[in-house]
Amino acid sequence: MAKITKIQDGQKNTVNDYLDELKSDFARYTGQIKKLRKELLKANSDEQPKIIRRIDLIAKEMEKNQKQATKVARSRPKERTKSRDKSPRDRKPHG
């Protein structure tokens, strides 16, 4: 029984680590977009289309990242809470 719990805990940690990695990637993308936005405001008309393309590419990566994070979060096994375990409907009547 302990082995199964260990495996499940390991999988949960792996999923959490992956989600943390996706969050840090998303934060990095956000920082890049902020820098590019500042560059865009200062850029001349020749440079602006290049900067806009870079922003679009980063935005697409952010969208992929967000979809992946949502998929992973939804596929995680749901944990039962103690309050739900003690719910009266889960108990069998004595009798």
C-alpha atoms as a PDB file:
ATOM      1  CA  MET A   1       0.000   0.000   0.000  1.00  0.00           C
ATOM      2  CA  ALA A   2       2.827   2.420   0.805  1.00  0.00           C
ATOM      3  CA  LYS A   3       4.375   1.829  -2.620  1.00  0.00           C
ATOM      4  CA  ILE A   4       1.196   2.901  -4.407  1.00  0.00           C
ATOM      5  CA  THR A   5       0.976   6.036  -2.285  1.00  0.00           C
ATOM      6  CA  LYS A   6       4.626   6.811  -3.057  1.00  0.00           C
ATOM      7  CA  ILE A   7       3.999   6.529  -6.786  1.00  0.00           C
ATOM      8  CA  GLN A   8       0.922   8.729  -6.587  1.00  0.00           C
ATOM      9  CA  ASP A   9       2.797  11.312  -4.520  1.00  0.00           C
ATOM     10  CA  GLY A  10       5.627  11.229  -7.062  1.00  0.00           C
ATOM     11  CA  GLN A  11       3.205  11.778  -9.913  1.00  0.00           C
ATOM     12  CA  LYS A  12       1.571  14.649  -8.055  1.00  0.00           C
ATOM     13  CA  ASN A  13       4.969  16.277  -7.478  1.00  0.00           C
ATOM     14  CA  THR A  14       5.848  15.816 -11.144  1.00  0.00           C
ATOM     15  CA  VAL A  15       2.590  17.486 -12.207  1.00  0.00           C
ATOM     16  CA  ASN A  16       3.101  20.322  -9.732  1.00  0.00           C
ATOM     17  CA  ASP A  17       6.683  20.797 -10.916  1.00  0.00           C
ATOM     18  CA  TYR A  18       5.480  20.905 -14.519  1.00  0.00           C
ATOM     19  CA  LEU A  19       2.788  23.455 -13.669  1.00  0.00           C
ATOM     20  CA  ASP A  20       5.366  25.557 -11.821  1.00  0.00           C
ATOM     21  CA  GLU A  21       7.593  25.425 -14.893  1.00  0.00           C
ATOM     22  CA  LEU A  22       4.707  26.568 -17.100  1.00  0.00           C
ATOM     23  CA  LYS A  23       3.983  29.429 -14.690  1.00  0.00           C
ATOM     24  CA  SER A  24       7.599  30.576 -14.752  1.00  0.00           C
ATOM     25  CA  ASP A  25       7.610  30.402 -18.567  1.00  0.00           C
ATOM     26  CA  PHE A  26       4.447  32.492 -18.643  1.00  0.00           C
ATOM     27  CA  ALA A  27       6.035  35.075 -16.337  1.00  0.00           C
ATOM     28  CA  ARG A  28       9.097  35.193 -18.588  1.00  0.00           C
ATOM     29  CA  TYR A  29       6.890  35.751 -21.646  1.00  0.00           C
ATOM     30  CA  THR A  30       5.097  38.556 -19.836  1.00  0.00           C
ATOM     31  CA  GLY A  31       8.403  40.252 -19.074  1.00  0.00           C
ATOM     32  CA  GLN A  32       9.494  39.952 -22.688  1.00  0.00           C
ATOM     33  CA  ILE A  33       6.264  41.498 -23.925  1.00  0.00           C
ATOM     34  CA  LYS A  34       6.637  44.419 -21.508  1.00  0.00           C
ATOM     35  CA  LYS A  35      10.153  45.100 -22.810  1.00  0.00           C
ATOM     36  CA  LEU A  36       9.017  44.834 -26.423  1.00  0.00           C
ATOM     37  CA  ARG A  37       6.127  47.188 -25.752  1.00  0.00           C
ATOM     38  CA  LYS A  38       8.555  49.801 -24.462  1.00  0.00           C
ATOM     39  CA  GLU A  39      10.767  49.249 -27.508  1.00  0.00           C
ATOM     40  CA  LEU A  40       7.737  49.606 -29.767  1.00  0.00           C
ATOM     41  CA  LEU A  41       6.862  52.971 -28.292  1.00  0.00           C
ATOM     42  CA  LYS A  42      10.403  54.220 -28.901  1.00  0.00           C
ATOM     43  CA  ALA A  43      10.944  52.570 -32.298  1.00  0.00           C
ATOM     44  CA  ASN A  44      10.755  54.258 -35.642  1.00  0.00           C
ATOM     45  CA  SER A  45       8.240  53.167 -38.278  1.00  0.00           C
ATOM     46  CA  ASP A  46      10.737  50.772 -39.930  1.00  0.00           C
ATOM     47  CA  GLU A  47      11.352  48.797 -36.728  1.00  0.00           C
ATOM     48  CA  GLN A  48       7.753  48.644 -35.503  1.00  0.00           C
ATOM     49  CA  PRO A  49       6.529  45.781 -37.764  1.00  0.00           C
ATOM     50  CA  LYS A  50       9.432  43.567 -36.607  1.00  0.00           C
ATOM     51  CA  ILE A  51       8.668  44.257 -32.967  1.00  0.00           C
ATOM     52  CA  ILE A  52       4.962  43.597 -33.513  1.00  0.00           C
ATOM     53  CA  ARG A  53       5.780  40.227 -35.111  1.00  0.00           C
ATOM     54  CA  ARG A  54       7.934  39.308 -32.115  1.00  0.00           C
ATOM     55  CA  ILE A  55       5.109  40.280 -29.760  1.00  0.00           C
ATOM     56  CA  ASP A  56       2.681  38.136 -31.781  1.00  0.00           C
ATOM     57  CA  LEU A  57       5.012  35.132 -31.607  1.00  0.00           C
ATOM     58  CA  ILE A  58       5.371  35.471 -27.856  1.00  0.00           C
ATOM     59  CA  ALA A  59       1.603  35.878 -27.465  1.00  0.00           C
ATOM     60  CA  LYS A  60       1.056  32.622 -29.381  1.00  0.00           C
ATOM     61  CA  GLU A  61       3.538  30.848 -27.108  1.00  0.00           C
ATOM     62  CA  MET A  62       1.719  32.235 -24.083  1.00  0.00           C
ATOM     63  CA  GLU A  63      -1.561  30.921 -25.434  1.00  0.00           C
ATOM     64  CA  LYS A  64      -0.090  27.443 -25.968  1.00  0.00           C
ATOM     65  CA  ASN A  65       1.385  27.574 -22.486  1.00  0.00           C
ATOM     66  CA  GLN A  66      -1.969  28.520 -20.959  1.00  0.00           C
ATOM     67  CA  LYS A  67      -3.815  25.737 -22.817  1.00  0.00           C
ATOM     68  CA  GLN A  68      -1.235  23.185 -21.693  1.00  0.00           C
ATOM     69  CA  ALA A  69      -1.471  24.341 -18.070  1.00  0.00           C
ATOM     70  CA  THR A  70      -5.259  24.044 -18.211  1.00  0.00           C
ATOM     71  CA  LYS A  71      -5.066  20.518 -19.664  1.00  0.00           C
ATOM     72  CA  VAL A  72      -2.613  19.389 -17.008  1.00  0.00           C
ATOM     73  CA  ALA A  73      -4.589  20.949 -14.168  1.00  0.00           C
ATOM     74  CA  ARG A  74      -7.822  19.319 -15.360  1.00  0.00           C
ATOM     75  CA  SER A  75      -6.229  15.898 -15.805  1.00  0.00           C
ATOM     76  CA  ARG A  76      -4.926  15.847 -12.235  1.00  0.00           C
ATOM     77  CA  PRO A  77      -6.761  13.404  -9.981  1.00  0.00           C
ATOM     78  CA  LYS A  78      -9.163  15.185  -7.703  1.00  0.00           C
ATOM     79  CA  GLU A  79      -8.347  14.957  -4.019  1.00  0.00           C
ATOM     80  CA  ARG A  80     -11.164  14.181  -1.640  1.00  0.00           C
ATOM     81  CA  THR A  81     -11.568  16.615   1.189  1.00  0.00           C
ATOM     82  CA  LYS A  82     -12.240  15.570   4.773  1.00  0.00           C
ATOM     83  CA  SER A  83     -15.532  17.449   4.882  1.00  0.00           C
ATOM     84  CA  ARG A  84     -16.769  15.505   1.884  1.00  0.00           C
ATOM     85  CA  ASP A  85     -15.639  12.203   3.418  1.00  0.00           C
ATOM     86  CA  LYS A  86     -17.736  12.981   6.493  1.00  0.00           C
ATOM     87  CA  SER A  87     -20.805  13.888   4.477  1.00  0.00           C
ATOM     88  CA  PRO A  88     -24.038  12.237   5.767  1.00  0.00           C
ATOM     89  CA  ARG A  89     -24.967  10.954   2.304  1.00  0.00           C
ATOM     90  CA  ASP A  90     -21.757   8.913   2.172  1.00  0.00           C
ATOM     91  CA  ARG A  91     -22.542   7.104   5.395  1.00  0.00           C
ATOM     92  CA  LYS A  92     -24.529   3.907   5.467  1.00  0.00           C
ATOM     93  CA  PRO A  93     -27.492   3.913   7.847  1.00  0.00           C
ATOM     94  CA  HIS A  94     -27.146   1.742  10.938  1.00  0.00           C
ATOM     95  CA  GLY A  95     -29.877  -0.671  11.264  1.00  0.00           C
END
